[in-house]
Protein backbone atom coordinates (compact mmCIF):
# COMPACT_ATOMS: atom_id res chain seq x y z
CA UNK A 1 13.24 -11.19 -19.65
CA UNK A 2 17.12 -9.86 -20.06
CA UNK A 3 19.45 -11.41 -17.86
CA UNK A 4 19.62 -9.45 -14.61
CA UNK A 5 23.37 -10.36 -13.76
CA UNK A 6 25.36 -9.33 -16.92
CA UNK A 7 26.94 -7.31 -14.51
CA UNK A 8 27.35 -9.85 -11.99
CA UNK A 9 29.58 -12.02 -13.62
CA UNK A 10 30.70 -13.80 -10.46
CA UNK A 11 27.03 -15.49 -9.83
CA UNK A 12 26.74 -17.80 -12.72
CA UNK A 13 24.19 -19.72 -10.16
CA UNK A 14 22.01 -16.61 -10.08
CA UNK A 15 21.70 -16.49 -14.00
CA UNK A 16 20.50 -20.02 -14.05
CA UNK A 17 17.97 -19.85 -11.49
CA UNK A 18 16.37 -16.87 -13.77
CA UNK A 19 16.81 -18.55 -17.13
CA UNK A 20 15.42 -21.52 -15.65
CA UNK A 21 12.31 -22.61 -17.44
CA UNK A 22 10.18 -22.95 -14.35
CA UNK A 23 11.33 -19.68 -12.99
CA UNK A 24 10.50 -18.31 -16.74
CA UNK A 25 7.06 -19.83 -16.52
CA UNK A 26 6.06 -18.31 -13.01
CA UNK A 27 7.88 -15.17 -13.85
CA UNK A 28 5.56 -14.46 -16.78
CA UNK A 29 1.99 -15.14 -14.92
CA UNK A 30 3.34 -12.47 -12.22
CA UNK A 31 3.53 -10.11 -15.41
CA UNK A 32 0.85 -11.12 -16.65
CA UNK A 33 -1.26 -10.40 -13.15
CA UNK A 34 0.30 -6.98 -13.22
CA UNK A 35 -0.38 -6.05 -16.48
CA UNK A 36 -2.64 -3.38 -15.14
CA UNK A 37 -0.97 -2.41 -11.73
CA UNK A 38 0.26 0.66 -11.43
CA UNK A 39 1.61 0.33 -7.71
CA UNK A 40 3.15 -2.50 -5.63
CA UNK A 41 4.68 -4.82 -8.43
CA UNK A 42 6.73 -7.91 -7.68
CA UNK A 43 8.81 -7.92 -11.14
CA UNK A 44 12.40 -7.61 -11.42
CA UNK A 45 12.95 -4.06 -10.29
CA UNK A 46 11.62 -4.73 -6.79
CA UNK A 47 13.50 -8.19 -6.69
CA UNK A 48 16.80 -6.65 -7.01
CA UNK A 49 15.87 -3.66 -4.64
CA UNK A 50 15.36 -6.42 -2.01
CA UNK A 51 18.80 -7.98 -3.11
CA UNK A 52 20.80 -5.07 -2.99
CA UNK A 53 19.18 -3.72 0.49
CA UNK A 54 19.95 -7.26 1.93
CA UNK A 55 23.24 -7.64 0.43
CA UNK A 56 23.95 -4.26 2.73
CA UNK A 57 22.37 -5.18 5.67
CA UNK A 58 24.30 -8.76 5.56
CA UNK A 59 27.74 -6.79 4.91
CA UNK A 60 27.26 -4.19 7.91
CA UNK A 61 25.37 -7.05 10.09
CA UNK A 62 28.36 -9.21 9.61
CA UNK A 63 25.86 -12.16 8.41
CA UNK A 64 28.10 -14.09 6.68
CA UNK A 65 25.98 -15.14 4.24
CA UNK A 66 27.05 -15.67 0.43
CA UNK A 67 25.97 -12.52 -2.09
CA UNK A 68 25.00 -15.01 -4.77
CA UNK A 69 23.13 -16.89 -2.28
CA UNK A 70 21.24 -13.84 -1.22
CA UNK A 71 20.32 -12.61 -4.80
CA UNK A 72 19.02 -15.96 -5.59
CA UNK A 73 16.46 -15.79 -2.38
CA UNK A 74 15.71 -12.55 -3.88
CA UNK A 75 14.81 -13.11 -6.86
CA UNK A 76 12.66 -16.00 -5.36
CA UNK A 77 11.33 -14.47 -2.89
CA UNK A 78 8.07 -13.49 -4.67
CA UNK A 79 7.98 -15.94 -7.23
CA UNK A 80 4.38 -17.78 -5.96
CA UNK A 81 2.91 -14.10 -6.38
CA UNK A 82 0.83 -15.62 -9.19
CA UNK A 83 -1.10 -18.25 -6.71
CA UNK A 84 -2.06 -15.42 -4.26
CA UNK A 85 -3.32 -13.50 -7.28
CA UNK A 86 -5.39 -16.37 -8.86
CA UNK A 87 -5.89 -19.01 -6.23
CA UNK A 88 -5.48 -16.99 -2.94
CA UNK A 89 -2.85 -19.16 -1.66
CA UNK A 90 -0.08 -17.48 0.29
CA UNK A 91 2.88 -16.71 -1.80
CA UNK A 92 5.56 -17.07 0.43
CA UNK A 93 4.22 -20.87 0.45
CA UNK A 94 3.54 -21.50 -3.22
CA UNK A 95 7.04 -19.49 -3.70
CA UNK A 96 8.94 -22.27 -1.54
CA UNK A 97 7.67 -24.73 -3.40
CA UNK A 98 8.43 -23.57 -6.68
CA UNK A 99 12.19 -22.54 -5.30
CA UNK A 100 12.80 -26.02 -4.02
CA UNK A 101 11.42 -27.43 -7.60
CA UNK A 102 13.98 -24.91 -9.23
CA UNK A 103 16.94 -25.76 -6.75
CA UNK A 104 16.62 -29.32 -7.45
CA UNK A 105 16.85 -29.24 -10.81
CA UNK A 106 19.75 -26.90 -11.88
CA UNK A 107 21.96 -28.10 -14.60
CA UNK A 108 25.45 -29.53 -13.34
CA UNK A 109 27.72 -26.99 -12.34
CA UNK A 110 25.18 -24.66 -11.20
CA UNK A 111 23.68 -26.46 -8.13
CA UNK A 112 23.26 -25.26 -4.45
CA UNK A 113 24.49 -27.66 -1.40
CA UNK A 114 21.55 -28.61 0.69
CA UNK A 115 22.30 -26.60 3.27
CA UNK A 116 22.13 -23.42 0.92
CA UNK A 117 18.73 -24.74 -0.55
CA UNK A 118 17.58 -24.96 2.87
CA UNK A 119 18.33 -21.28 3.70
CA UNK A 120 17.29 -19.87 0.42
CA UNK A 121 13.80 -21.98 1.03
CA UNK A 122 13.73 -20.38 4.65
CA UNK A 123 14.34 -16.77 3.00
CA UNK A 124 11.38 -17.53 0.51
CA UNK A 125 9.11 -18.59 3.44
CA UNK A 126 10.24 -16.52 6.13
CA UNK A 127 9.56 -13.04 4.57
CA UNK A 128 6.33 -12.16 4.70
CA UNK A 129 5.48 -12.22 8.38
CA UNK A 130 7.44 -11.44 11.48
CA UNK A 131 7.39 -14.05 14.48
CA UNK A 132 8.79 -14.81 17.58
CA UNK A 133 11.16 -17.71 16.15
CA UNK A 134 12.62 -15.74 13.41
CA UNK A 135 16.46 -17.08 11.73
CA UNK A 136 18.58 -14.33 10.55
CA UNK A 137 17.78 -15.14 6.88
CA UNK A 138 14.31 -14.79 7.69
CA UNK A 139 14.77 -11.66 9.30
CA UNK A 140 17.10 -10.14 6.81
CA UNK A 141 14.38 -10.43 4.00
CA UNK A 142 11.75 -9.35 5.95
CA UNK A 143 13.48 -6.42 6.74
CA UNK A 144 15.06 -5.74 3.31
CA UNK A 145 11.53 -6.56 1.84
CA UNK A 146 9.72 -3.72 3.94
CA UNK A 147 12.46 -1.07 3.82
CA UNK A 148 10.53 1.15 1.11
CA UNK A 149 8.00 3.37 2.94
CA UNK A 150 6.91 6.13 0.41
CA UNK A 151 7.90 9.09 3.76
CA UNK A 152 11.68 8.25 3.15
CA UNK A 153 11.66 9.81 -0.37
CA UNK A 154 9.78 13.10 0.77
CA UNK A 155 12.31 13.35 3.55
CA UNK A 156 15.36 13.15 1.14
CA UNK A 157 13.73 15.85 -1.45
CA UNK A 158 13.43 18.24 1.57
CA UNK A 159 16.99 17.79 3.07
CA UNK A 160 14.94 16.24 6.17
CA UNK A 161 16.84 13.86 8.57
CA UNK A 162 14.88 14.70 11.59
CA UNK A 163 11.93 12.40 12.74
CA UNK A 164 8.91 12.97 10.92
CA UNK A 165 5.08 12.28 10.84
CA UNK A 166 4.70 10.61 7.37
CA UNK A 167 1.27 10.91 5.88
CA UNK A 168 1.59 7.92 3.46
CA UNK A 169 -1.57 7.48 1.23
CA UNK A 170 -1.36 5.27 -1.68
CA UNK A 171 -2.77 2.31 -3.41
CA UNK A 172 -2.10 -1.04 -2.30
CA UNK A 173 0.81 -2.63 -0.49
CA UNK A 174 1.38 -5.39 1.81
CA UNK A 175 1.98 -4.22 5.31
CA UNK A 176 4.24 -5.92 8.09
CA UNK A 177 1.00 -7.68 9.64
CA UNK A 178 0.06 -8.98 6.21
CA UNK A 179 -3.28 -6.89 5.49
CA UNK A 180 -3.13 -4.36 3.00
CA UNK A 181 -1.47 -0.95 3.66
CA UNK A 182 -2.16 1.87 1.84
CA UNK A 183 -3.75 5.04 4.01
CA UNK A 184 -0.69 5.21 6.91
CA UNK A 185 0.40 7.50 9.59
CA UNK A 186 4.18 6.57 10.27
CA UNK A 187 6.40 8.33 13.01
CA UNK A 188 9.32 7.27 10.76
CA UNK A 189 13.20 8.57 10.77
CA UNK A 190 16.17 7.40 8.44
CA UNK A 191 16.15 4.37 11.07
CA UNK A 192 12.91 3.08 10.39
CA UNK A 193 9.43 3.77 11.18
CA UNK A 194 5.95 3.10 13.93
CA UNK A 195 2.84 2.96 12.50
CA UNK A 196 1.23 5.17 14.61
CA UNK A 197 -1.91 5.35 12.54
CA UNK A 198 -4.24 4.40 9.55
CA UNK A 199 -7.33 4.67 7.79
CA UNK A 200 -10.05 2.60 9.34
CA UNK A 201 -9.60 -0.87 8.20
CA UNK A 202 -12.31 -2.18 5.34
CA UNK A 203 -12.89 -5.57 3.87
CA UNK A 204 -11.48 -4.97 0.04
CA UNK A 205 -12.79 -7.76 -2.00
CA UNK A 206 -12.07 -8.93 -5.25
CA UNK A 207 -8.28 -8.81 -5.48
CA UNK A 208 -6.71 -6.74 -7.88
CA UNK A 209 -10.39 -6.31 -9.82
CA UNK A 210 -11.57 -3.90 -6.76
CA UNK A 211 -8.42 -1.27 -8.47
CA UNK A 212 -10.52 -0.85 -11.20
CA UNK A 213 -14.08 -1.77 -10.01
CA UNK A 214 -14.76 0.82 -7.32
CA UNK A 215 -18.12 -0.30 -6.87
CA UNK A 216 -16.95 -3.51 -5.09
CA UNK A 217 -15.28 -1.17 -2.45
CA UNK A 218 -18.48 0.57 -2.16
CA UNK A 219 -20.50 -2.44 -1.87
CA UNK A 220 -18.11 -3.72 0.68
CA UNK A 221 -18.15 -0.49 2.65
CA UNK A 222 -21.94 -0.50 2.68
CA UNK A 223 -22.28 -4.43 3.96
CA UNK A 224 -19.57 -3.51 6.51
CA UNK A 225 -21.57 -0.68 7.82
CA UNK A 226 -24.91 -2.36 8.15
CA UNK A 227 -24.06 -5.39 8.82
CA UNK A 228 -27.27 -6.89 7.08
CA UNK A 229 -27.50 -8.24 3.33
CA UNK A 230 -31.37 -6.77 2.88
CA UNK A 231 -30.25 -3.15 4.32
CA UNK A 232 -27.14 -2.99 1.97
CA UNK A 233 -29.28 -4.50 -0.86
CA UNK A 234 -31.86 -1.85 -0.51
CA UNK A 235 -29.06 0.79 -0.40
CA UNK A 236 -26.77 -0.55 -3.28
CA UNK A 237 -29.95 -0.68 -5.27
CA UNK A 238 -31.26 2.98 -4.95
CA UNK A 239 -27.59 3.81 -5.61
CA UNK A 240 -27.32 1.76 -8.92
CA UNK A 241 -24.13 0.37 -7.71
CA UNK A 242 -24.31 -3.08 -9.59
CA UNK A 243 -26.75 -5.82 -9.77
CA UNK A 244 -28.64 -8.12 -7.33
CA UNK A 245 -26.66 -10.87 -8.38
CA UNK A 246 -23.66 -9.12 -8.14
CA UNK A 247 -23.90 -7.84 -4.32
CA UNK A 248 -25.05 -11.38 -3.48
CA UNK A 249 -21.62 -12.50 -5.01
CA UNK A 250 -19.82 -9.50 -3.00
CA UNK A 251 -22.03 -10.60 0.33
CA UNK A 252 -20.68 -14.35 0.11
CA UNK A 253 -17.22 -13.43 -0.58
CA UNK A 254 -17.02 -11.16 2.26
CA UNK A 255 -18.65 -13.93 4.68
CA UNK A 256 -16.61 -16.54 3.65
CA UNK A 257 -13.31 -14.48 3.03
CA UNK A 258 -12.98 -15.69 -0.27
CA UNK A 259 -10.36 -13.42 -2.32
CA UNK A 260 -11.08 -10.68 0.61
CA UNK A 261 -8.05 -9.27 3.13
CA UNK A 262 -8.45 -6.27 5.45
CA UNK A 263 -7.22 -2.91 3.73
CA UNK A 264 -6.37 0.35 4.86
CA UNK A 265 -5.98 1.73 1.03
CA UNK A 266 -6.57 5.51 0.73
CA UNK A 267 -6.76 4.88 -2.88
CA UNK A 268 -9.53 2.18 -2.73
CA UNK A 269 -11.43 4.40 -0.60
CA UNK A 270 -11.57 7.32 -2.73
CA UNK A 271 -12.50 4.81 -5.43
CA UNK A 272 -15.43 3.29 -2.93
CA UNK A 273 -16.49 7.13 -2.52
CA UNK A 274 -16.43 7.85 -6.10
CA UNK A 275 -19.05 5.06 -6.54
CA UNK A 276 -20.96 5.80 -3.76
CA UNK A 277 -21.23 9.60 -5.31
CA UNK A 278 -22.35 8.09 -8.51
CA UNK A 279 -19.38 9.76 -10.24
CA UNK A 280 -17.43 6.41 -11.38
CA UNK A 281 -18.53 2.99 -10.89
CA UNK A 282 -15.46 1.68 -12.86
CA UNK A 283 -11.96 2.65 -13.94
CA UNK A 284 -10.60 1.95 -16.95
CA UNK A 285 -6.96 2.32 -15.17
CA UNK A 286 -6.44 2.68 -11.71
CA UNK A 287 -7.23 6.14 -9.76
CA UNK A 288 -9.27 6.84 -12.76
CA UNK A 289 -12.40 7.25 -10.19
CA UNK A 290 -10.21 8.72 -7.83
CA UNK A 291 -9.35 11.16 -10.03
CA UNK A 292 -12.96 11.90 -11.37
CA UNK A 293 -13.77 12.76 -7.54
CA UNK A 294 -10.98 15.02 -7.39
CA UNK A 295 -12.05 16.96 -10.16
CA UNK A 296 -15.98 17.21 -9.54
CA UNK A 297 -14.68 18.60 -5.67
CA UNK A 298 -12.39 21.17 -7.47
CA UNK A 299 -15.09 22.48 -9.51
CA UNK A 300 -17.46 22.58 -6.61
CA UNK A 301 -14.65 24.59 -4.69
CA UNK A 302 -14.06 26.69 -8.07
CA UNK A 303 -17.60 27.39 -8.82
CA UNK A 304 -19.71 27.44 -5.70
CA UNK A 305 -17.70 27.76 -2.88
CA UNK A 306 -16.18 31.03 -3.58
CA UNK A 307 -19.62 32.23 -3.73
CA UNK A 308 -21.31 30.75 -0.75
CA UNK A 309 -22.13 32.36 2.51
CA UNK A 310 -20.85 29.88 4.36
CA UNK A 311 -18.37 26.55 4.21
CA UNK A 312 -20.24 23.24 4.06
CA UNK A 313 -21.02 22.04 7.37
CA UNK A 314 -18.75 19.60 9.17
CA UNK A 315 -20.50 16.61 10.30
CA UNK A 316 -20.75 16.04 13.80
CA UNK A 317 -18.73 13.12 14.55
CA UNK A 318 -15.28 11.99 16.35
CA UNK A 319 -12.34 12.66 14.12
CA UNK A 320 -10.53 9.70 15.45
CA UNK A 321 -10.63 6.27 17.34
CA UNK A 322 -8.57 4.45 19.48
CA UNK A 323 -7.35 1.43 18.01
CA UNK A 324 -5.57 -1.63 19.68
CA UNK A 325 -2.12 -0.66 18.46
CA UNK A 326 -2.51 2.59 16.76
CA UNK A 327 -4.89 5.62 16.23
CA UNK A 328 -7.93 4.95 13.83
CA UNK A 329 -9.00 7.74 11.28
CA UNK A 330 -12.81 7.52 11.64
CA UNK A 331 -13.27 7.40 7.65
CA UNK A 332 -16.08 4.70 8.78
CA UNK A 333 -18.30 7.50 10.18
CA UNK A 334 -17.48 9.91 7.28
CA UNK A 335 -18.18 7.57 4.70
CA UNK A 336 -22.17 6.71 6.58
CA UNK A 337 -22.40 10.47 6.38
CA UNK A 338 -21.46 11.11 2.62
CA UNK A 339 -24.11 8.44 2.27
CA UNK A 340 -26.74 9.70 4.47
CA UNK A 341 -26.44 13.05 2.73
CA UNK A 342 -26.04 11.39 -0.76
CA UNK A 343 -29.67 9.21 0.05
CA UNK A 344 -31.19 12.66 0.93
CA UNK A 345 -30.52 14.12 -2.26
CA UNK A 346 -27.60 16.64 -1.51
CA UNK A 347 -25.36 17.33 -4.56
CA UNK A 348 -22.58 14.99 -5.44
CA UNK A 349 -20.14 17.41 -6.43
CA UNK A 350 -20.60 19.33 -2.66
CA UNK A 351 -20.29 15.96 -0.86
CA UNK A 352 -17.10 15.15 -3.06
CA UNK A 353 -15.59 18.33 -1.65
CA UNK A 354 -16.52 17.37 2.15
CA UNK A 355 -15.11 13.88 1.51
CA UNK A 356 -11.61 15.57 0.67
CA UNK A 357 -12.33 18.46 3.53
CA UNK A 358 -13.22 16.07 6.20
CA UNK A 359 -10.32 13.75 5.46
CA UNK A 360 -7.95 16.55 5.55
CA UNK A 361 -9.01 17.08 9.06
CA UNK A 362 -8.75 13.29 10.08
CA UNK A 363 -5.38 13.62 8.75
CA UNK A 364 -4.51 16.88 10.56
CA UNK A 365 -6.08 15.83 14.06
CA UNK A 366 -3.84 12.45 13.94
CA UNK A 367 -0.87 14.36 13.47
CA UNK A 368 -1.82 16.74 16.23
CA UNK A 369 -2.46 13.60 18.34
CA UNK A 370 0.78 11.75 17.61
CA UNK A 371 2.71 15.17 18.06
CA UNK A 372 1.26 15.32 21.75
CA UNK A 373 2.67 12.22 22.42
CA UNK A 374 5.99 12.30 20.28
CA UNK A 375 6.90 16.22 20.41
CA UNK A 376 7.29 15.85 16.29
CA UNK A 377 6.45 19.08 14.79
CA UNK A 378 7.40 18.09 11.19
CA UNK A 379 4.73 16.25 8.84
CA UNK A 380 5.79 14.51 5.61
CA UNK A 381 3.32 14.35 3.09
CA UNK A 382 3.71 11.41 0.83
CA UNK A 383 2.26 8.48 -1.84
CA UNK A 384 0.30 8.35 -4.92
CA UNK A 385 -2.79 9.86 -3.39
CA UNK A 386 -1.19 13.02 -2.73
CA UNK A 387 -1.29 13.84 -6.44
CA UNK A 388 -4.53 14.96 -5.60
CA UNK A 389 -3.95 18.64 -5.59
CA UNK A 390 -7.12 19.27 -3.73
CA UNK A 391 -6.43 16.83 -0.85
CA UNK A 392 -2.88 18.14 -0.95
CA UNK A 393 -3.43 21.71 -0.58
CA UNK A 394 -6.37 21.02 2.59
CA UNK A 395 -4.07 19.00 4.43
CA UNK A 396 -1.09 21.19 3.92
CA UNK A 397 -3.26 24.22 4.99
CA UNK A 398 -4.64 22.87 7.99
CA UNK A 399 -1.42 21.40 9.31
CA UNK A 400 0.12 24.82 8.97
CA UNK A 401 -2.84 26.06 10.94
CA UNK A 402 -1.80 23.63 13.68
CA UNK A 403 1.88 24.96 13.22
CA UNK A 404 3.37 22.20 11.84
CA UNK A 405 6.39 22.20 9.51
CA UNK A 406 4.95 20.22 6.09
CA UNK A 407 7.09 18.72 3.53
CA UNK A 408 6.08 18.01 0.56
CA UNK A 409 7.08 16.68 -3.01
CA UNK A 410 8.06 19.30 -5.80
CA UNK A 411 10.79 17.46 -7.70
CA UNK A 412 10.20 13.76 -7.01
CA UNK A 413 7.18 12.15 -7.73
CA UNK A 414 5.15 11.13 -4.55
CA UNK A 415 4.11 7.85 -6.11
CA UNK A 416 6.29 4.81 -7.01
CA UNK A 417 8.58 6.73 -8.78
CA UNK A 418 10.05 8.11 -5.37
CA UNK A 419 10.52 4.80 -3.93
CA UNK A 420 13.88 4.39 -5.13
CA UNK A 421 15.27 7.46 -3.56
CA UNK A 422 13.76 6.58 -0.59
CA UNK A 423 15.55 3.13 -0.63
CA UNK A 424 18.74 4.74 -1.14
CA UNK A 425 18.74 7.58 1.27
CA UNK A 426 17.71 4.67 4.17
CA UNK A 427 20.54 2.74 2.79
CA UNK A 428 23.28 5.38 2.85
CA UNK A 429 22.24 6.08 6.67
CA UNK A 430 22.04 2.34 7.27
CA UNK A 431 26.14 2.39 6.11
CA UNK A 432 26.81 5.42 8.26
CA UNK A 433 25.25 4.11 11.26
CA UNK A 434 27.25 1.03 11.12
CA UNK A 435 30.77 1.95 10.24
């Protein structure tokens, strides 16, 4: 790995940390764990993004933290990630231990004071979750780590500084509540965001393996739906999702919460539906199963729907549920409807189209509901899932029918390729607010 501070001549201790044998060992482990990961990586680009945002906030808020201390804390804040990937140890806890080990063994002339070490370790330990008695350094890194929501890049591309209902549908990323986010409805502007809705949470089992093995998501959805091993096993066998032994392992992991976390990932939901419909059980790369689901839905739209005498029947269920703190897209009932029709022999291509159609209906219903509460009439569609052309077209059409101004990506990619633009826009707005 290259030295990260070739241009930072005034931060020799940062170079000493990054080039430390222990740091190199655990950084390489993160890279190995994320070899096949497309979304939400925790490597140097992310670490330096956090450092830059934290330093800007530090200057503007007059916090008084040393620049080098901020950069060192930033490159260390995710250093424990491999422990979370491999052993389900919270990365902030593992990271603090690793950080302390590195800081206590730096060569003479590159050391930090005990007070500086304490601040760095506090930043590492406290960056992940908000709590009542947060210290300024914890608050700084918590906020800096979270300022990477996709909808900002969409707003920037469309030269929009107004409040929007941001529909951010992606693969997986850590949310501010410590769960996996990826199917979010955000009331957002250049000052920040409020989580106003999401996909109905489900248990994501298997860690990174679930991003390539959609059958794991399908099994989890079915087990959560039935709440019964025997019933779930019967359905799994009919759908040929996996072996009985594999299913039992997934059930046990779910019951004991082993390598299992609550998730609202839209990307993983698509993977699960693809497996349920028998389209793609596994992927050779992240998103392949979701793409296959899109392709068969588009084929149905092209070849069958145009000649059909009527549109596919719309399931009779509530589009939205009221959660404790936000609206929930009723994806649970949608999956149940798709499953019922699949078990009764309905064509998978048709069901793939209905899934896209109904998800677009749920998104639109949530935006309408949020507009009633906020008065916001602009919707921004962003995140990697909106590379799905069919979902984008259906959602765009339905939102416009409801009178929304719809912002979409045309030049900047909706996935992780657009994050940097969103971060830059937020930073510029922050500087303007605090002149």
